[in-house]
Every structure is written in C-alpha cells, then in structure tokens.
C-alpha cells in the first residue's frame, strides 16, 4: 500500500509540473497574440464580419 501511495504522490507531482508548464505556454501565447495586435481600430467590425459561415 505504501508503494501505491508513493506512486500516486509521484504522479500528482508530475501532473502539477506539467500543468505549470502548460500555464507558462498559454501565458506566452496570450502575450504574443495580444502584443502583436496592439493596433487601434478605426471602426467597429460589422456584425457578421467575423462569422465563419458567410
């Protein structure tokens, strides 16, 4: 049973590490996207301008 608990704790630590890495990746992507699009909009987009089904 002790081995099983150790395995679970080891897996939890691994998952926590992976989640932290994913957070860092998401933050980097978010920053990259929104730093690239720091442009001022001259107008409000038309209602259906971003509708993929047009």
C-alpha atoms as a PDB file:
ATOM      1  CA  UNK A   1       0.000   0.000   0.000  1.00  0.00           C
ATOM      2  CA  UNK A   2       2.866   2.389   0.770  1.00  0.00           C
ATOM      3  CA  UNK A   3       4.221   1.875  -2.734  1.00  0.00           C
ATOM      4  CA  UNK A   4       0.831   2.716  -4.185  1.00  0.00           C
ATOM      5  CA  UNK A   5       0.664   5.951  -2.178  1.00  0.00           C
ATOM      6  CA  UNK A   6       4.163   6.875  -3.282  1.00  0.00           C
ATOM      7  CA  UNK A   7       3.202   6.241  -6.897  1.00  0.00           C
ATOM      8  CA  UNK A   8       0.127   8.448  -6.551  1.00  0.00           C
ATOM      9  CA  UNK A   9       2.143  11.250  -4.942  1.00  0.00           C
ATOM     10  CA  UNK A  10       4.799  10.984  -7.641  1.00  0.00           C
ATOM     11  CA  UNK A  11       2.123  11.146 -10.353  1.00  0.00           C
ATOM     12  CA  UNK A  12       0.486  14.162  -8.692  1.00  0.00           C
ATOM     13  CA  UNK A  13       3.809  15.980  -8.632  1.00  0.00           C
ATOM     14  CA  UNK A  14       4.397  15.161 -12.295  1.00  0.00           C
ATOM     15  CA  UNK A  15       0.941  16.433 -13.216  1.00  0.00           C
ATOM     16  CA  UNK A  16       1.452  19.630 -11.227  1.00  0.00           C
ATOM     17  CA  UNK A  17       4.695  20.235 -13.084  1.00  0.00           C
ATOM     18  CA  UNK A  18       3.013  19.659 -16.445  1.00  0.00           C
ATOM     19  CA  UNK A  19       0.135  21.968 -15.538  1.00  0.00           C
ATOM     20  CA  UNK A  20       2.601  24.701 -14.572  1.00  0.00           C
ATOM     21  CA  UNK A  21       4.418  24.269 -17.890  1.00  0.00           C
ATOM     22  CA  UNK A  22       1.118  24.489 -19.784  1.00  0.00           C
ATOM     23  CA  UNK A  23       0.212  27.677 -17.890  1.00  0.00           C
ATOM     24  CA  UNK A  24       3.524  29.216 -18.885  1.00  0.00           C
ATOM     25  CA  UNK A  25       2.957  28.242 -22.530  1.00  0.00           C
ATOM     26  CA  UNK A  26      -0.582  29.661 -22.521  1.00  0.00           C
ATOM     27  CA  UNK A  27       0.626  32.891 -20.917  1.00  0.00           C
ATOM     28  CA  UNK A  28       3.400  33.232 -23.505  1.00  0.00           C
ATOM     29  CA  UNK A  29       0.960  32.629 -26.373  1.00  0.00           C
ATOM     30  CA  UNK A  30      -1.565  35.052 -24.905  1.00  0.00           C
ATOM     31  CA  UNK A  31       1.099  37.719 -24.533  1.00  0.00           C
ATOM     32  CA  UNK A  32       2.422  37.135 -28.048  1.00  0.00           C
ATOM     33  CA  UNK A  33      -1.030  37.362 -29.616  1.00  0.00           C
ATOM     34  CA  UNK A  34      -2.113  40.479 -27.792  1.00  0.00           C
ATOM     35  CA  UNK A  35       1.208  42.304 -28.119  1.00  0.00           C
ATOM     36  CA  UNK A  36       1.044  41.715 -31.871  1.00  0.00           C
ATOM     37  CA  UNK A  37      -2.480  43.131 -32.055  1.00  0.00           C
ATOM     38  CA  UNK A  38      -1.938  46.392 -30.177  1.00  0.00           C
ATOM     39  CA  UNK A  39      -3.354  48.279 -33.133  1.00  0.00           C
ATOM     40  CA  UNK A  40      -6.064  50.893 -32.792  1.00  0.00           C
ATOM     41  CA  UNK A  41      -9.277  50.009 -34.560  1.00  0.00           C
ATOM     42  CA  UNK A  42     -10.561  52.683 -36.896  1.00  0.00           C
ATOM     43  CA  UNK A  43     -14.082  51.310 -36.795  1.00  0.00           C
ATOM     44  CA  UNK A  44     -16.240  48.735 -35.099  1.00  0.00           C
ATOM     45  CA  UNK A  45     -16.371  45.478 -37.111  1.00  0.00           C
ATOM     46  CA  UNK A  46     -19.618  44.792 -38.934  1.00  0.00           C
ATOM     47  CA  UNK A  47     -21.965  42.410 -37.170  1.00  0.00           C
ATOM     48  CA  UNK A  48     -21.219  39.441 -39.447  1.00  0.00           C
ATOM     49  CA  UNK A  49     -17.653  40.307 -40.391  1.00  0.00           C
ATOM     50  CA  UNK A  50     -16.188  37.511 -38.280  1.00  0.00           C
ATOM     51  CA  UNK A  51     -18.910  34.956 -38.951  1.00  0.00           C
ATOM     52  CA  UNK A  52     -17.232  31.879 -40.410  1.00  0.00           C
ATOM     53  CA  UNK A  53     -20.373  30.808 -42.241  1.00  0.00           C
ATOM     54  CA  UNK A  54     -20.575  33.860 -44.535  1.00  0.00           C
END
